Amino acid sequence: MRGRLSALVMILGGVAFLFGAADAMSAESPLIDGEGVQIVNAQCGVCHSLALVAQNRADRAGWRALIRWMQDKHGLWPLGEFEAPILDYLETHYAPAAVGRRRPLAPALMPELSTGEKR
C-alpha cells in the first residue's frame, strides 16, 4: 500500500511540475525582444527564471564563462548549435552598461552649506 501511495504522490508531483513549467513558459518573458530571444527563453527558462538572465550584464566572454560554470557545476547540457545564437542575443541585449556619474542636482535642490548659504 505504501509503495502505491508513494508512486501516486510522485506521479502527481511530476504532473504538477509539468503544468507549472508550462505556465512558466507561457508567461510573458522579461527579456528584451530580439533575434534569438525564443532560443534563450527555451534553453535558459527550463532551469531558472528569465528574470535572472535579465538582471545580469556581461560581455560575450563573460556570458560564455557563465554558461561553462552552469555546465560544470549545475549540469547544464551542451548547447551545441544554440550556443552561438544565445551568446549573440545576450551580447547584444545584456552587455555591460556604460557607467558614469549622475547629472548634477539643480541649484535649487542643493543642500544648504553649514553657513546657511546655498551652494
PDB file of N, CA and C in Angstrom:
ATOM      1  N   MET A   1       0.815  -1.199   0.000  1.00  0.00           N
ATOM      2  CA  MET A   1       0.000   0.000   0.000  1.00  0.00           C
ATOM      3  C   MET A   1       0.860   1.264   0.000  1.00  0.00           C
ATOM      4  N   ARG A   2       1.908   1.260   0.848  1.00  0.00           N
ATOM      5  CA  ARG A   2       2.790   2.426   0.898  1.00  0.00           C
ATOM      6  C   ARG A   2       3.484   2.646  -0.436  1.00  0.00           C
ATOM      7  N   GLY A   3       3.880   1.579  -1.080  1.00  0.00           N
ATOM      8  CA  GLY A   3       4.546   1.683  -2.375  1.00  0.00           C
ATOM      9  C   GLY A   3       3.651   2.331  -3.410  1.00  0.00           C
ATOM     10  N   ARG A   4       2.390   1.940  -3.422  1.00  0.00           N
ATOM     11  CA  ARG A   4       1.448   2.527  -4.375  1.00  0.00           C
ATOM     12  C   ARG A   4       1.190   3.996  -4.057  1.00  0.00           C
ATOM     13  N   LEU A   5       1.083   4.306  -2.778  1.00  0.00           N
ATOM     14  CA  LEU A   5       0.853   5.690  -2.376  1.00  0.00           C
ATOM     15  C   LEU A   5       2.045   6.565  -2.755  1.00  0.00           C
ATOM     16  N   SER A   6       3.243   6.061  -2.523  1.00  0.00           N
ATOM     17  CA  SER A   6       4.451   6.806  -2.897  1.00  0.00           C
ATOM     18  C   SER A   6       4.502   7.029  -4.402  1.00  0.00           C
ATOM     19  N   ALA A   7       4.180   5.996  -5.158  1.00  0.00           N
ATOM     20  CA  ALA A   7       4.182   6.118  -6.612  1.00  0.00           C
ATOM     21  C   ALA A   7       3.154   7.153  -7.067  1.00  0.00           C
ATOM     22  N   LEU A   8       1.982   7.141  -6.463  1.00  0.00           N
ATOM     23  CA  LEU A   8       0.937   8.097  -6.807  1.00  0.00           C
ATOM     24  C   LEU A   8       1.382   9.523  -6.494  1.00  0.00           C
ATOM     25  N   VAL A   9       2.007   9.704  -5.337  1.00  0.00           N
ATOM     26  CA  VAL A   9       2.484  11.036  -4.959  1.00  0.00           C
ATOM     27  C   VAL A   9       3.545  11.514  -5.949  1.00  0.00           C
ATOM     28  N   MET A  10       4.444  10.623  -6.355  1.00  0.00           N
ATOM     29  CA  MET A  10       5.474  11.000  -7.317  1.00  0.00           C
ATOM     30  C   MET A  10       4.861  11.360  -8.664  1.00  0.00           C
ATOM     31  N   ILE A  11       3.889  10.596  -9.105  1.00  0.00           N
ATOM     32  CA  ILE A  11       3.236  10.877 -10.383  1.00  0.00           C
ATOM     33  C   ILE A  11       2.509  12.209 -10.330  1.00  0.00           C
ATOM     34  N   LEU A  12       1.758  12.443  -9.254  1.00  0.00           N
ATOM     35  CA  LEU A  12       1.039  13.712  -9.121  1.00  0.00           C
ATOM     36  C   LEU A  12       2.007  14.889  -9.026  1.00  0.00           C
ATOM     37  N   GLY A  13       3.118  14.684  -8.328  1.00  0.00           N
ATOM     38  CA  GLY A  13       4.131  15.737  -8.248  1.00  0.00           C
ATOM     39  C   GLY A  13       4.719  16.039  -9.613  1.00  0.00           C
ATOM     40  N   GLY A  14       4.980  14.993 -10.400  1.00  0.00           N
ATOM     41  CA  GLY A  14       5.508  15.184 -11.751  1.00  0.00           C
ATOM     42  C   GLY A  14       4.529  15.925 -12.640  1.00  0.00           C
ATOM     43  N   VAL A  15       3.255  15.572 -12.538  1.00  0.00           N
ATOM     44  CA  VAL A  15       2.227  16.253 -13.334  1.00  0.00           C
ATOM     45  C   VAL A  15       2.144  17.723 -12.925  1.00  0.00           C
ATOM     46  N   ALA A  16       2.163  17.986 -11.633  1.00  0.00           N
ATOM     47  CA  ALA A  16       2.113  19.372 -11.151  1.00  0.00           C
ATOM     48  C   ALA A  16       3.322  20.161 -11.649  1.00  0.00           C
ATOM     49  N   PHE A  17       4.490  19.505 -11.626  1.00  0.00           N
ATOM     50  CA  PHE A  17       5.699  20.157 -12.123  1.00  0.00           C
ATOM     51  C   PHE A  17       5.552  20.509 -13.595  1.00  0.00           C
ATOM     52  N   LEU A  18       5.054  19.571 -14.386  1.00  0.00           N
ATOM     53  CA  LEU A  18       4.888  19.820 -15.811  1.00  0.00           C
ATOM     54  C   LEU A  18       3.924  20.965 -16.077  1.00  0.00           C
ATOM     55  N   PHE A  19       2.814  21.002 -15.342  1.00  0.00           N
ATOM     56  CA  PHE A  19       1.873  22.104 -15.527  1.00  0.00           C
ATOM     57  C   PHE A  19       2.495  23.422 -15.098  1.00  0.00           C
ATOM     58  N   GLY A  20       3.273  23.395 -14.038  1.00  0.00           N
ATOM     59  CA  GLY A  20       3.963  24.607 -13.588  1.00  0.00           C
ATOM     60  C   GLY A  20       4.957  25.085 -14.618  1.00  0.00           C
ATOM     61  N   ALA A  21       5.696  24.156 -15.219  1.00  0.00           N
ATOM     62  CA  ALA A  21       6.665  24.525 -16.256  1.00  0.00           C
ATOM     63  C   ALA A  21       5.952  25.105 -17.462  1.00  0.00           C
ATOM     64  N   ALA A  22       4.813  24.525 -17.822  1.00  0.00           N
ATOM     65  CA  ALA A  22       4.047  25.048 -18.957  1.00  0.00           C
ATOM     66  C   ALA A  22       3.555  26.457 -18.659  1.00  0.00           C
ATOM     67  N   ASP A  23       3.100  26.692 -17.418  1.00  0.00           N
ATOM     68  CA  ASP A  23       2.662  28.033 -17.046  1.00  0.00           C
ATOM     69  C   ASP A  23       3.821  29.021 -17.127  1.00  0.00           C
ATOM     70  N   ALA A  24       4.985  28.601 -16.652  1.00  0.00           N
ATOM     71  CA  ALA A  24       6.153  29.485 -16.681  1.00  0.00           C
ATOM     72  C   ALA A  24       6.536  29.818 -18.115  1.00  0.00           C
ATOM     73  N   MET A  25       6.451  28.851 -19.004  1.00  0.00           N
ATOM     74  CA  MET A  25       6.818  29.094 -20.398  1.00  0.00           C
ATOM     75  C   MET A  25       5.789  29.961 -21.105  1.00  0.00           C
ATOM     76  N   SER A  26       4.537  29.920 -20.657  1.00  0.00           N
ATOM     77  CA  SER A  26       3.517  30.714 -21.321  1.00  0.00           C
ATOM     78  C   SER A  26       3.451  32.133 -20.763  1.00  0.00           C
ATOM     79  N   ALA A  27       4.076  32.359 -19.599  1.00  0.00           N
ATOM     80  CA  ALA A  27       4.068  33.692 -19.016  1.00  0.00           C
ATOM     81  C   ALA A  27       4.897  34.635 -19.889  1.00  0.00           C
ATOM     82  N   GLU A  28       4.585  35.914 -19.792  1.00  0.00           N
ATOM     83  CA  GLU A  28       5.310  36.893 -20.586  1.00  0.00           C
ATOM     84  C   GLU A  28       6.769  36.936 -20.139  1.00  0.00           C
ATOM     85  N   SER A  29       7.663  36.908 -21.091  1.00  0.00           N
ATOM     86  CA  SER A  29       9.093  36.889 -20.802  1.00  0.00           C
ATOM     87  C   SER A  29       9.569  38.283 -20.402  1.00  0.00           C
ATOM     88  N   PRO A  30      10.442  38.371 -19.409  1.00  0.00           N
ATOM     89  CA  PRO A  30      11.000  39.672 -19.036  1.00  0.00           C
ATOM     90  C   PRO A  30      12.157  40.093 -19.953  1.00  0.00           C
ATOM     91  N   LEU A  31      12.510  39.225 -20.903  1.00  0.00           N
ATOM     92  CA  LEU A  31      13.651  39.511 -21.767  1.00  0.00           C
ATOM     93  C   LEU A  31      13.293  40.499 -22.869  1.00  0.00           C
ATOM     94  N   ILE A  32      14.291  41.237 -23.294  1.00  0.00           N
ATOM     95  CA  ILE A  32      14.136  42.178 -24.403  1.00  0.00           C
ATOM     96  C   ILE A  32      13.860  41.383 -25.674  1.00  0.00           C
ATOM     97  N   ASP A  33      12.854  41.815 -26.429  1.00  0.00           N
ATOM     98  CA  ASP A  33      12.524  41.123 -27.670  1.00  0.00           C
ATOM     99  C   ASP A  33      13.618  41.381 -28.693  1.00  0.00           C
ATOM    100  N   GLY A  34      14.008  40.352 -29.381  1.00  0.00           N
ATOM    101  CA  GLY A  34      15.040  40.488 -30.399  1.00  0.00           C
ATOM    102  C   GLY A  34      15.382  39.127 -30.974  1.00  0.00           C
ATOM    103  N   GLU A  35      16.205  39.132 -31.997  1.00  0.00           N
ATOM    104  CA  GLU A  35      16.597  37.887 -32.635  1.00  0.00           C
ATOM    105  C   GLU A  35      17.298  36.981 -31.624  1.00  0.00           C
ATOM    106  N   GLY A  36      16.782  35.775 -31.481  1.00  0.00           N
ATOM    107  CA  GLY A  36      17.356  34.806 -30.561  1.00  0.00           C
ATOM    108  C   GLY A  36      16.639  34.703 -29.233  1.00  0.00           C
ATOM    109  N   VAL A  37      15.687  35.599 -28.969  1.00  0.00           N
ATOM    110  CA  VAL A  37      15.018  35.577 -27.663  1.00  0.00           C
ATOM    111  C   VAL A  37      14.262  34.268 -27.437  1.00  0.00           C
ATOM    112  N   GLN A  38      13.708  33.668 -28.487  1.00  0.00           N
ATOM    113  CA  GLN A  38      12.980  32.412 -28.323  1.00  0.00           C
ATOM    114  C   GLN A  38      13.918  31.291 -27.884  1.00  0.00           C
ATOM    115  N   ILE A  39      15.121  31.278 -28.440  1.00  0.00           N
ATOM    116  CA  ILE A  39      16.098  30.250 -28.061  1.00  0.00           C
ATOM    117  C   ILE A  39      16.501  30.437 -26.601  1.00  0.00           C
ATOM    118  N   VAL A  40      16.734  31.693 -26.195  1.00  0.00           N
ATOM    119  CA  VAL A  40      17.099  31.971 -24.803  1.00  0.00           C
ATOM    120  C   VAL A  40      15.954  31.582 -23.878  1.00  0.00           C
ATOM    121  N   ASN A  41      14.727  31.942 -24.257  1.00  0.00           N
ATOM    122  CA  ASN A  41      13.565  31.541 -23.451  1.00  0.00           C
ATOM    123  C   ASN A  41      13.524  30.025 -23.276  1.00  0.00           C
ATOM    124  N   ALA A  42      13.710  29.305 -24.368  1.00  0.00           N
ATOM    125  CA  ALA A  42      13.589  27.845 -24.347  1.00  0.00           C
ATOM    126  C   ALA A  42      14.732  27.174 -23.607  1.00  0.00           C
ATOM    127  N   GLN A  43      15.957  27.642 -23.791  1.00  0.00           N
ATOM    128  CA  GLN A  43      17.114  26.985 -23.188  1.00  0.00           C
ATOM    129  C   GLN A  43      17.341  27.419 -21.740  1.00  0.00           C
ATOM    130  N   CYS A  44      17.231  28.693 -21.463  1.00  0.00           N
ATOM    131  CA  CYS A  44      17.553  29.210 -20.130  1.00  0.00           C
ATOM    132  C   CYS A  44      16.376  29.094 -19.160  1.00  0.00           C
ATOM    133  N   GLY A  45      15.170  29.278 -19.702  1.00  0.00           N
ATOM    134  CA  GLY A  45      13.988  29.268 -18.848  1.00  0.00           C
ATOM    135  C   GLY A  45      13.599  27.897 -18.332  1.00  0.00           C
ATOM    136  N   VAL A  46      14.243  26.852 -18.812  1.00  0.00           N
ATOM    137  CA  VAL A  46      13.957  25.497 -18.330  1.00  0.00           C
ATOM    138  C   VAL A  46      14.421  25.343 -16.890  1.00  0.00           C
ATOM    139  N   CYS A  47      15.554  25.942 -16.558  1.00  0.00           N
ATOM    140  CA  CYS A  47      16.162  25.728 -15.241  1.00  0.00           C
ATOM    141  C   CYS A  47      15.934  26.866 -14.253  1.00  0.00           C
ATOM    142  N   HIS A  48      15.786  28.084 -14.729  1.00  0.00           N
ATOM    143  CA  HIS A  48      15.643  29.203 -13.801  1.00  0.00           C
ATOM    144  C   HIS A  48      14.808  30.306 -14.431  1.00  0.00           C
ATOM    145  N   SER A  49      14.438  31.247 -13.612  1.00  0.00           N
ATOM    146  CA  SER A  49      13.642  32.378 -14.056  1.00  0.00           C
ATOM    147  C   SER A  49      14.416  33.188 -15.091  1.00  0.00           C
ATOM    148  N   LEU A  50      13.703  33.659 -16.084  1.00  0.00           N
ATOM    149  CA  LEU A  50      14.337  34.508 -17.090  1.00  0.00           C
ATOM    150  C   LEU A  50      14.676  35.879 -16.519  1.00  0.00           C
ATOM    151  N   ALA A  51      14.052  36.240 -15.405  1.00  0.00           N
ATOM    152  CA  ALA A  51      14.414  37.487 -14.736  1.00  0.00           C
ATOM    153  C   ALA A  51      15.864  37.428 -14.256  1.00  0.00           C
ATOM    154  N   LEU A  52      16.347  36.233 -13.940  1.00  0.00           N
ATOM    155  CA  LEU A  52      17.739  36.059 -13.545  1.00  0.00           C
ATOM    156  C   LEU A  52      18.673  36.431 -14.699  1.00  0.00           C
ATOM    157  N   VAL A  53      18.281  36.087 -15.911  1.00  0.00           N
ATOM    158  CA  VAL A  53      19.071  36.465 -17.090  1.00  0.00           C
ATOM    159  C   VAL A  53      19.014  37.983 -17.265  1.00  0.00           C
ATOM    160  N   ALA A  54      17.818  38.546 -17.184  1.00  0.00           N
ATOM    161  CA  ALA A  54      17.613  39.968 -17.461  1.00  0.00           C
ATOM    162  C   ALA A  54      18.324  40.879 -16.460  1.00  0.00           C
ATOM    163  N   GLN A  55      18.588  40.397 -15.267  1.00  0.00           N
ATOM    164  CA  GLN A  55      19.216  41.261 -14.263  1.00  0.00           C
ATOM    165  C   GLN A  55      20.739  41.260 -14.348  1.00  0.00           C
ATOM    166  N   ASN A  56      21.303  40.435 -15.205  1.00  0.00           N
ATOM    167  CA  ASN A  56      22.755  40.332 -15.308  1.00  0.00           C
ATOM    168  C   ASN A  56      23.286  41.032 -16.543  1.00  0.00           C
ATOM    169  N   ARG A  57      24.549  41.389 -16.500  1.00  0.00           N
ATOM    170  CA  ARG A  57      25.233  42.023 -17.626  1.00  0.00           C
ATOM    171  C   ARG A  57      26.614  41.384 -17.744  1.00  0.00           C
ATOM    172  N   ALA A  58      27.027  41.109 -18.966  1.00  0.00           N
ATOM    173  CA  ALA A  58      28.372  40.593 -19.220  1.00  0.00           C
ATOM    174  C   ALA A  58      28.690  40.767 -20.692  1.00  0.00           C
ATOM    175  N   ASP A  59      29.967  40.763 -21.004  1.00  0.00           N
ATOM    176  CA  ASP A  59      30.352  40.736 -22.412  1.00  0.00           C
ATOM    177  C   ASP A  59      30.262  39.289 -22.886  1.00  0.00           C
ATOM    178  N   ARG A  60      30.558  39.047 -24.149  1.00  0.00           N
ATOM    179  CA  ARG A  60      30.416  37.696 -24.708  1.00  0.00           C
ATOM    180  C   ARG A  60      31.240  36.676 -23.925  1.00  0.00           C
ATOM    181  N   ALA A  61      32.474  37.037 -23.594  1.00  0.00           N
ATOM    182  CA  ALA A  61      33.335  36.119 -22.843  1.00  0.00           C
ATOM    183  C   ALA A  61      32.754  35.833 -21.457  1.00  0.00           C
ATOM    184  N   GLY A  62      32.178  36.845 -20.842  1.00  0.00           N
ATOM    185  CA  GLY A  62      31.568  36.659 -19.533  1.00  0.00           C
ATOM    186  C   GLY A  62      30.350  35.751 -19.580  1.00  0.00           C
ATOM    187  N   TRP A  63      29.504  35.929 -20.599  1.00  0.00           N
ATOM    188  CA  TRP A  63      28.341  35.051 -20.758  1.00  0.00           C
ATOM    189  C   TRP A  63      28.788  33.618 -21.031  1.00  0.00           C
ATOM    190  N   ARG A  64      29.825  33.458 -21.866  1.00  0.00           N
ATOM    191  CA  ARG A  64      30.342  32.113 -22.170  1.00  0.00           C
ATOM    192  C   ARG A  64      30.873  31.463 -20.884  1.00  0.00           C
ATOM    193  N   ALA A  65      31.592  32.233 -20.079  1.00  0.00           N
ATOM    194  CA  ALA A  65      32.120  31.711 -18.814  1.00  0.00           C
ATOM    195  C   ALA A  65      30.982  31.301 -17.882  1.00  0.00           C
ATOM    196  N   LEU A  66      29.912  32.071 -17.869  1.00  0.00           N
ATOM    197  CA  LEU A  66      28.762  31.725 -17.030  1.00  0.00           C
ATOM    198  C   LEU A  66      28.093  30.440 -17.517  1.00  0.00           C
ATOM    199  N   ILE A  67      27.983  30.282 -18.822  1.00  0.00           N
ATOM    200  CA  ILE A  67      27.432  29.045 -19.391  1.00  0.00           C
ATOM    201  C   ILE A  67      28.309  27.855 -18.993  1.00  0.00           C
ATOM    202  N   ARG A  68      29.628  28.019 -19.120  1.00  0.00           N
ATOM    203  CA  ARG A  68      30.541  26.922 -18.751  1.00  0.00           C
ATOM    204  C   ARG A  68      30.414  26.584 -17.267  1.00  0.00           C
ATOM    205  N   TRP A  69      30.271  27.601 -16.432  1.00  0.00           N
ATOM    206  CA  TRP A  69      30.086  27.377 -14.995  1.00  0.00           C
ATOM    207  C   TRP A  69      28.807  26.586 -14.736  1.00  0.00           C
ATOM    208  N   MET A  70      27.716  26.953 -15.411  1.00  0.00           N
ATOM    209  CA  MET A  70      26.460  26.209 -15.238  1.00  0.00           C
ATOM    210  C   MET A  70      26.612  24.772 -15.734  1.00  0.00           C
ATOM    211  N   GLN A  71      27.378  24.581 -16.793  1.00  0.00           N
ATOM    212  CA  GLN A  71      27.613  23.221 -17.297  1.00  0.00           C
ATOM    213  C   GLN A  71      28.462  22.420 -16.312  1.00  0.00           C
ATOM    214  N   ASP A  72      29.496  23.037 -15.764  1.00  0.00           N
ATOM    215  CA  ASP A  72      30.390  22.336 -14.845  1.00  0.00           C
ATOM    216  C   ASP A  72      29.751  22.078 -13.483  1.00  0.00           C
ATOM    217  N   LYS A  73      29.026  23.055 -12.967  1.00  0.00           N
ATOM    218  CA  LYS A  73      28.535  22.971 -11.585  1.00  0.00           C
ATOM    219  C   LYS A  73      27.071  22.574 -11.450  1.00  0.00           C
ATOM    220  N   HIS A  74      26.274  22.800 -12.494  1.00  0.00           N
ATOM    221  CA  HIS A  74      24.832  22.600 -12.349  1.00  0.00           C
ATOM    222  C   HIS A  74      24.209  21.687 -13.391  1.00  0.00           C
ATOM    223  N   GLY A  75      25.036  21.031 -14.179  1.00  0.00           N
ATOM    224  CA  GLY A  75      24.521  20.032 -15.108  1.00  0.00           C
ATOM    225  C   GLY A  75      23.851  20.576 -16.353  1.00  0.00           C
ATOM    226  N   LEU A  76      24.150  21.817 -16.714  1.00  0.00           N
ATOM    227  CA  LEU A  76      23.596  22.336 -17.972  1.00  0.00           C
ATOM    228  C   LEU A  76      24.113  21.491 -19.123  1.00  0.00           C
ATOM    229  N   TRP A  77      23.219  21.104 -19.990  1.00  0.00           N
ATOM    230  CA  TRP A  77      23.546  20.271 -21.144  1.00  0.00           C
ATOM    231  C   TRP A  77      24.372  21.060 -22.154  1.00  0.00           C
ATOM    232  N   PRO A  78      25.090  20.374 -23.049  1.00  0.00           N
ATOM    233  CA  PRO A  78      25.797  21.081 -24.125  1.00  0.00           C
ATOM    234  C   PRO A  78      24.796  21.807 -25.010  1.00  0.00           C
ATOM    235  N   LEU A  79      25.030  23.061 -25.275  1.00  0.00           N
ATOM    236  CA  LEU A  79      24.083  23.864 -26.052  1.00  0.00           C
ATOM    237  C   LEU A  79      24.241  23.672 -27.555  1.00  0.00           C
ATOM    238  N   GLY A  80      25.377  23.120 -27.977  1.00  0.00           N
ATOM    239  CA  GLY A  80      25.577  22.808 -29.393  1.00  0.00           C
ATOM    240  C   GLY A  80      25.326  23.993 -30.291  1.00  0.00           C
ATOM    241  N   GLU A  81      24.483  23.798 -31.295  1.00  0.00           N
ATOM    242  CA  GLU A  81      24.207  24.851 -32.287  1.00  0.00           C
ATOM    243  C   GLU A  81      23.475  26.051 -31.698  1.00  0.00           C
ATOM    244  N   PHE A  82      22.930  25.910 -30.499  1.00  0.00           N
ATOM    245  CA  PHE A  82      22.204  27.022 -29.880  1.00  0.00           C
ATOM    246  C   PHE A  82      23.117  27.991 -29.137  1.00  0.00           C
ATOM    247  N   GLU A  83      24.356  27.562 -28.861  1.00  0.00           N
ATOM    248  CA  GLU A  83      25.230  28.422 -28.057  1.00  0.00           C
ATOM    249  C   GLU A  83      25.528  29.748 -28.752  1.00  0.00           C
ATOM    250  N   ALA A  84      25.885  29.735 -30.006  1.00  0.00           N
ATOM    251  CA  ALA A  84      26.224  30.982 -30.713  1.00  0.00           C
ATOM    252  C   ALA A  84      25.043  31.955 -30.752  1.00  0.00           C
ATOM    253  N   PRO A  85      23.821  31.514 -31.124  1.00  0.00           N
ATOM    254  CA  PRO A  85      22.710  32.474 -31.108  1.00  0.00           C
ATOM    255  C   PRO A  85      22.374  32.987 -29.704  1.00  0.00           C
ATOM    256  N   ILE A  86      22.562  32.146 -28.689  1.00  0.00           N
ATOM    257  CA  ILE A  86      22.324  32.589 -27.312  1.00  0.00           C
ATOM    258  C   ILE A  86      23.337  33.669 -26.953  1.00  0.00           C
ATOM    259  N   LEU A  87      24.611  33.420 -27.249  1.00  0.00           N
ATOM    260  CA  LEU A  87      25.643  34.413 -26.957  1.00  0.00           C
ATOM    261  C   LEU A  87      25.431  35.689 -27.761  1.00  0.00           C
ATOM    262  N   ASP A  88      25.018  35.568 -29.021  1.00  0.00           N
ATOM    263  CA  ASP A  88      24.730  36.755 -29.842  1.00  0.00           C
ATOM    264  C   ASP A  88      23.652  37.601 -29.181  1.00  0.00           C
ATOM    265  N   TYR A  89      22.580  36.934 -28.759  1.00  0.00           N
ATOM    266  CA  TYR A  89      21.459  37.642 -28.131  1.00  0.00           C
ATOM    267  C   TYR A  89      21.912  38.324 -26.841  1.00  0.00           C
ATOM    268  N   LEU A  90      22.581  37.570 -25.970  1.00  0.00           N
ATOM    269  CA  LEU A  90      22.999  38.116 -24.673  1.00  0.00           C
ATOM    270  C   LEU A  90      23.997  39.250 -24.840  1.00  0.00           C
ATOM    271  N   GLU A  91      24.924  39.091 -25.764  1.00  0.00           N
ATOM    272  CA  GLU A  91      25.921  40.131 -26.019  1.00  0.00           C
ATOM    273  C   GLU A  91      25.257  41.410 -26.526  1.00  0.00           C
ATOM    274  N   THR A  92      24.230  41.258 -27.353  1.00  0.00           N
ATOM    275  CA  THR A  92      23.535  42.413 -27.927  1.00  0.00           C
ATOM    276  C   THR A  92      22.678  43.132 -26.901  1.00  0.00           C
ATOM    277  N   HIS A  93      21.918  42.369 -26.097  1.00  0.00           N
ATOM    278  CA  HIS A  93      20.910  42.985 -25.233  1.00  0.00           C
ATOM    279  C   HIS A  93      21.293  43.081 -23.762  1.00  0.00           C
ATOM    280  N   TYR A  94      22.285  42.326 -23.329  1.00  0.00           N
ATOM    281  CA  TYR A  94      22.646  42.318 -21.916  1.00  0.00           C
ATOM    282  C   TYR A  94      24.149  42.466 -21.718  1.00  0.00           C
ATOM    283  N   ALA A  95      24.733  43.374 -22.480  1.00  0.00           N
ATOM    284  CA  ALA A  95      26.152  43.714 -22.330  1.00  0.00           C
ATOM    285  C   ALA A  95      26.292  44.661 -21.143  1.00  0.00           C
ATOM    286  N   PRO A  96      27.508  44.827 -20.636  1.00  0.00           N
ATOM    287  CA  PRO A  96      27.689  45.778 -19.532  1.00  0.00           C
ATOM    288  C   PRO A  96      27.236  47.177 -19.953  1.00  0.00           C
ATOM    289  N   ALA A  97      26.546  47.840 -19.074  1.00  0.00           N
ATOM    290  CA  ALA A  97      26.074  49.198 -19.358  1.00  0.00           C
ATOM    291  C   ALA A  97      27.198  50.179 -19.061  1.00  0.00           C
ATOM    292  N   ALA A  98      27.245  51.232 -19.853  1.00  0.00           N
ATOM    293  CA  ALA A  98      28.213  52.287 -19.586  1.00  0.00           C
ATOM    294  C   ALA A  98      27.847  52.925 -18.254  1.00  0.00           C
ATOM    295  N   VAL A  99      28.825  53.076 -17.423  1.00  0.00           N
ATOM    296  CA  VAL A  99      28.564  53.668 -16.111  1.00  0.00           C
ATOM    297  C   VAL A  99      29.126  55.066 -16.078  1.00  0.00           C
ATOM    298  N   GLY A 100      28.535  55.884 -15.307  1.00  0.00           N
ATOM    299  CA  GLY A 100      29.006  57.253 -15.159  1.00  0.00           C
ATOM    300  C   GLY A 100      28.301  57.895 -13.987  1.00  0.00           C
ATOM    301  N   ARG A 101      28.703  59.073 -13.700  1.00  0.00           N
ATOM    302  CA  ARG A 101      28.082  59.791 -12.591  1.00  0.00           C
ATOM    303  C   ARG A 101      26.707  60.295 -13.006  1.00  0.00           C
ATOM    304  N   ARG A 102      25.881  60.468 -12.024  1.00  0.00           N
ATOM    305  CA  ARG A 102      24.573  61.058 -12.301  1.00  0.00           C
ATOM    306  C   ARG A 102      24.763  62.533 -12.642  1.00  0.00           C
ATOM    307  N   ARG A 103      23.759  63.110 -13.270  1.00  0.00           N
ATOM    308  CA  ARG A 103      23.819  64.533 -13.578  1.00  0.00           C
ATOM    309  C   ARG A 103      23.796  65.320 -12.275  1.00  0.00           C
ATOM    310  N   PRO A 104      24.442  66.474 -12.240  1.00  0.00           N
ATOM    311  CA  PRO A 104      24.431  67.284 -11.011  1.00  0.00           C
ATOM    312  C   PRO A 104      23.013  67.724 -10.665  1.00  0.00           C
ATOM    313  N   LEU A 105      22.785  67.908  -9.382  1.00  0.00           N
ATOM    314  CA  LEU A 105      21.494  68.413  -8.929  1.00  0.00           C
ATOM    315  C   LEU A 105      21.318  69.857  -9.374  1.00  0.00           C
ATOM    316  N   ALA A 106      20.077  70.240  -9.597  1.00  0.00           N
ATOM    317  CA  ALA A 106      19.768  71.635  -9.910  1.00  0.00           C
ATOM    318  C   ALA A 106      20.119  72.475  -8.686  1.00  0.00           C
ATOM    319  N   PRO A 107      20.551  73.728  -8.883  1.00  0.00           N
ATOM    320  CA  PRO A 107      20.931  74.566  -7.731  1.00  0.00           C
ATOM    321  C   PRO A 107      19.849  74.655  -6.656  1.00  0.00           C
ATOM    322  N   ALA A 108      18.587  74.667  -7.071  1.00  0.00           N
ATOM    323  CA  ALA A 108      17.504  74.775  -6.088  1.00  0.00           C
ATOM    324  C   ALA A 108      17.393  73.520  -5.219  1.00  0.00           C
ATOM    325  N   LEU A 109      17.935  72.406  -5.666  1.00  0.00           N
ATOM    326  CA  LEU A 109      17.858  71.160  -4.908  1.00  0.00           C
ATOM    327  C   LEU A 109      19.093  70.903  -4.052  1.00  0.00           C
ATOM    328  N   MET A 110      20.105  71.746  -4.192  1.00  0.00           N
ATOM    329  CA  MET A 110      21.335  71.564  -3.429  1.00  0.00           C
ATOM    330  C   MET A 110      21.087  71.861  -1.955  1.00  0.00           C
ATOM    331  N   PRO A 111      21.728  71.101  -1.074  1.00  0.00           N
ATOM    332  CA  PRO A 111      21.563  71.367   0.366  1.00  0.00           C
ATOM    333  C   PRO A 111      22.260  72.670   0.762  1.00  0.00           C
ATOM    334  N   GLU A 112      21.809  73.209   1.848  1.00  0.00           N
ATOM    335  CA  GLU A 112      22.444  74.441   2.358  1.00  0.00           C
ATOM    336  C   GLU A 112      23.791  74.094   2.941  1.00  0.00           C
ATOM    337  N   LEU A 113      24.706  75.063   2.847  1.00  0.00           N
ATOM    338  CA  LEU A 113      26.009  74.910   3.495  1.00  0.00           C
ATOM    339  C   LEU A 113      25.830  75.127   4.982  1.00  0.00           C
ATOM    340  N   SER A 114      26.818  74.805   5.744  1.00  0.00           N
ATOM    341  CA  SER A 114      26.722  74.967   7.192  1.00  0.00           C
ATOM    342  C   SER A 114      26.538  76.423   7.591  1.00  0.00           C
ATOM    343  N   THR A 115      26.886  77.356   6.709  1.00  0.00           N
ATOM    344  CA  THR A 115      26.727  78.789   6.982  1.00  0.00           C
ATOM    345  C   THR A 115      25.308  79.252   6.702  1.00  0.00           C
ATOM    346  N   GLY A 116      24.465  78.350   6.165  1.00  0.00           N
ATOM    347  CA  GLY A 116      23.098  78.717   5.835  1.00  0.00           C
ATOM    348  C   GLY A 116      22.935  79.184   4.403  1.00  0.00           C
ATOM    349  N   GLU A 117      24.046  79.270   3.686  1.00  0.00           N
ATOM    350  CA  GLU A 117      24.012  79.722   2.293  1.00  0.00           C
ATOM    351  C   GLU A 117      23.757  78.524   1.358  1.00  0.00           C
ATOM    352  N   LYS A 118      23.203  78.833   0.212  1.00  0.00           N
ATOM    353  CA  LYS A 118      23.054  77.829  -0.833  1.00  0.00           C
ATOM    354  C   LYS A 118      24.364  77.726  -1.588  1.00  0.00           C
ATOM    355  N   ARG A 119      24.618  76.582  -2.104  1.00  0.00           N
ATOM    356  CA  ARG A 119      25.839  76.399  -2.914  1.00  0.00           C
ATOM    357  C   ARG A 119      25.690  77.062  -4.252  1.00  0.00           C
TER     358      ARG A 119
END
